[in-house]
Amino acid sequence: MLNNQPVLDRVFHALTDPTRRAIVERLCRGRASVGELAKPLDMTLAAVVQHIQVLEGSGLISTEKTGRVRQCRIEPEVLSVAERWINQRRALWERRLDRLGDLLAQEAGPSGKTRKRKGKS
């Protein structure tokens, strides 16, 4: 997973901005032109283009110019890299919390009350 570290860094950096997350959300529903992406956003077209450049630099989206229109689309594999990283962390913490639950259940004993340990209050 270490070889994916630069990719993860770029992806998470790109997703820190709410505008870029909104663009990614929209592109998850299908391709869109830069103009379509800019329409609901309260900013200049130049500002939207800068956000798109950050997303493209992270690998989350790709763009293709057809005539005068630049179309954008999501790159699911790059999004999957971040998803796998998050899921690995989730699985780790679920295992840890399960072990803690088992330990607490053992401490409680059959009556359900926590036993006091010697020297502990």
Protein backbone atom coordinates (compact mmCIF):
# COMPACT_ATOMS: atom_id res chain seq x y z
CA MET A 1 0.00 0.00 0.00
CA LEU A 2 2.98 2.30 0.44
CA ASN A 3 3.35 2.64 -3.33
CA ASN A 4 -0.13 4.22 -3.38
CA GLN A 5 0.81 6.86 -0.81
CA PRO A 6 1.38 9.71 -3.32
CA VAL A 7 -1.94 8.87 -5.01
CA LEU A 8 -3.74 8.89 -1.65
CA ASP A 9 -2.14 12.18 -0.69
CA ARG A 10 -3.33 13.83 -3.92
CA VAL A 11 -6.82 12.31 -3.66
CA PHE A 12 -7.38 13.35 -0.06
CA HIS A 13 -5.95 16.82 -0.76
CA ALA A 14 -8.32 17.21 -3.71
CA LEU A 15 -11.29 16.10 -1.60
CA THR A 16 -10.63 18.61 1.20
CA ASP A 17 -12.49 21.30 -0.70
CA PRO A 18 -16.33 21.24 -0.69
CA THR A 19 -16.53 22.55 -4.25
CA ARG A 20 -14.33 19.73 -5.52
CA ARG A 21 -16.37 17.19 -3.56
CA ALA A 22 -19.53 18.60 -5.19
CA ILE A 23 -17.94 18.22 -8.62
CA VAL A 24 -16.97 14.61 -7.83
CA GLU A 25 -20.52 13.93 -6.57
CA ARG A 26 -21.96 15.28 -9.82
CA LEU A 27 -19.55 13.28 -11.97
CA CYS A 28 -20.47 10.08 -10.12
CA ARG A 29 -23.83 10.42 -11.90
CA GLY A 30 -22.19 10.67 -15.33
CA ARG A 31 -20.06 12.76 -17.63
CA ALA A 32 -20.53 16.52 -17.68
CA SER A 33 -19.05 19.50 -19.43
CA VAL A 34 -17.14 22.14 -17.51
CA GLY A 35 -20.04 24.53 -18.16
CA GLU A 36 -22.55 22.05 -16.70
CA LEU A 37 -20.36 21.58 -13.64
CA ALA A 38 -20.01 25.35 -13.20
CA LYS A 39 -23.72 26.15 -13.54
CA PRO A 40 -24.82 25.35 -9.93
CA LEU A 41 -21.65 26.77 -8.38
CA ASP A 42 -21.46 30.35 -7.16
CA MET A 43 -18.09 31.19 -8.72
CA THR A 44 -16.48 32.19 -11.95
CA LEU A 45 -15.83 29.71 -14.72
CA ALA A 46 -12.08 30.33 -14.22
CA ALA A 47 -12.36 29.28 -10.56
CA VAL A 48 -14.24 26.10 -11.54
CA VAL A 49 -11.52 25.31 -14.08
CA GLN A 50 -8.90 25.60 -11.32
CA HIS A 51 -10.85 23.11 -9.19
CA ILE A 52 -11.12 20.77 -12.17
CA GLN A 53 -7.36 21.02 -12.69
CA VAL A 54 -6.75 19.96 -9.07
CA LEU A 55 -9.15 17.02 -9.47
CA GLU A 56 -7.51 16.04 -12.74
CA GLY A 57 -4.05 16.32 -11.17
CA SER A 58 -5.14 13.96 -8.39
CA GLY A 59 -6.36 11.45 -10.96
CA LEU A 60 -9.93 11.53 -9.65
CA ILE A 61 -11.27 12.86 -12.93
CA SER A 62 -10.16 13.03 -16.52
CA THR A 63 -11.12 15.54 -19.14
CA GLU A 64 -11.40 15.35 -22.90
CA LYS A 65 -11.89 18.22 -25.29
CA THR A 66 -14.34 17.65 -28.12
CA GLY A 67 -14.52 20.72 -30.32
CA ARG A 68 -14.99 23.67 -27.97
CA VAL A 69 -16.43 21.63 -25.09
CA ARG A 70 -14.35 20.02 -22.36
CA GLN A 71 -16.06 16.92 -20.96
CA CYS A 72 -15.18 15.57 -17.52
CA ARG A 73 -15.63 12.08 -16.13
CA ILE A 74 -14.84 10.32 -12.88
CA GLU A 75 -11.96 7.85 -12.70
CA PRO A 76 -13.41 5.11 -10.48
CA GLU A 77 -10.13 3.21 -10.01
CA VAL A 78 -8.48 6.18 -8.30
CA LEU A 79 -11.53 6.62 -6.10
CA SER A 80 -11.28 2.90 -5.30
CA VAL A 81 -7.72 3.36 -4.01
CA ALA A 82 -9.02 5.79 -1.37
CA GLU A 83 -11.98 3.52 -0.63
CA ARG A 84 -9.69 0.52 -0.03
CA TRP A 85 -7.49 2.59 2.30
CA ILE A 86 -10.52 3.74 4.33
CA ASN A 87 -11.97 0.20 4.44
CA GLN A 88 -8.68 -1.20 5.72
CA ARG A 89 -8.69 1.35 8.56
CA ARG A 90 -12.35 0.55 9.31
CA ALA A 91 -11.63 -3.19 9.47
CA LEU A 92 -8.69 -2.59 11.81
CA TRP A 93 -10.79 -0.53 14.21
CA GLU A 94 -13.70 -2.95 14.07
CA ARG A 95 -11.36 -5.79 15.10
CA ARG A 96 -9.95 -3.69 17.93
CA LEU A 97 -13.40 -2.72 19.16
CA ASP A 98 -14.57 -6.34 18.96
CA ARG A 99 -11.61 -7.40 21.12
CA LEU A 100 -12.40 -4.62 23.58
CA GLY A 101 -16.03 -5.75 23.72
CA ASP A 102 -14.92 -9.33 24.39
CA LEU A 103 -12.60 -8.15 27.16
CA LEU A 104 -15.32 -6.05 28.76
CA ALA A 105 -17.76 -8.98 28.56
CA GLN A 106 -15.20 -11.21 30.31
CA GLU A 107 -14.66 -8.55 32.99
CA ALA A 108 -18.40 -8.28 33.57
CA GLY A 109 -18.76 -12.00 34.18
CA PRO A 110 -22.04 -13.91 34.05
CA SER A 111 -23.94 -11.46 36.31
CA GLY A 112 -23.34 -8.59 33.93
CA LYS A 113 -21.66 -6.50 36.61
CA THR A 114 -18.07 -5.42 36.20
CA ARG A 115 -15.73 -7.14 38.65
CA LYS A 116 -13.43 -4.87 40.59
CA ARG A 117 -9.75 -5.56 40.20
CA LYS A 118 -7.42 -5.53 43.16
CA GLY A 119 -5.64 -2.23 43.45
CA LYS A 120 -8.02 -0.52 41.05
CA SER A 121 -10.80 1.84 41.99
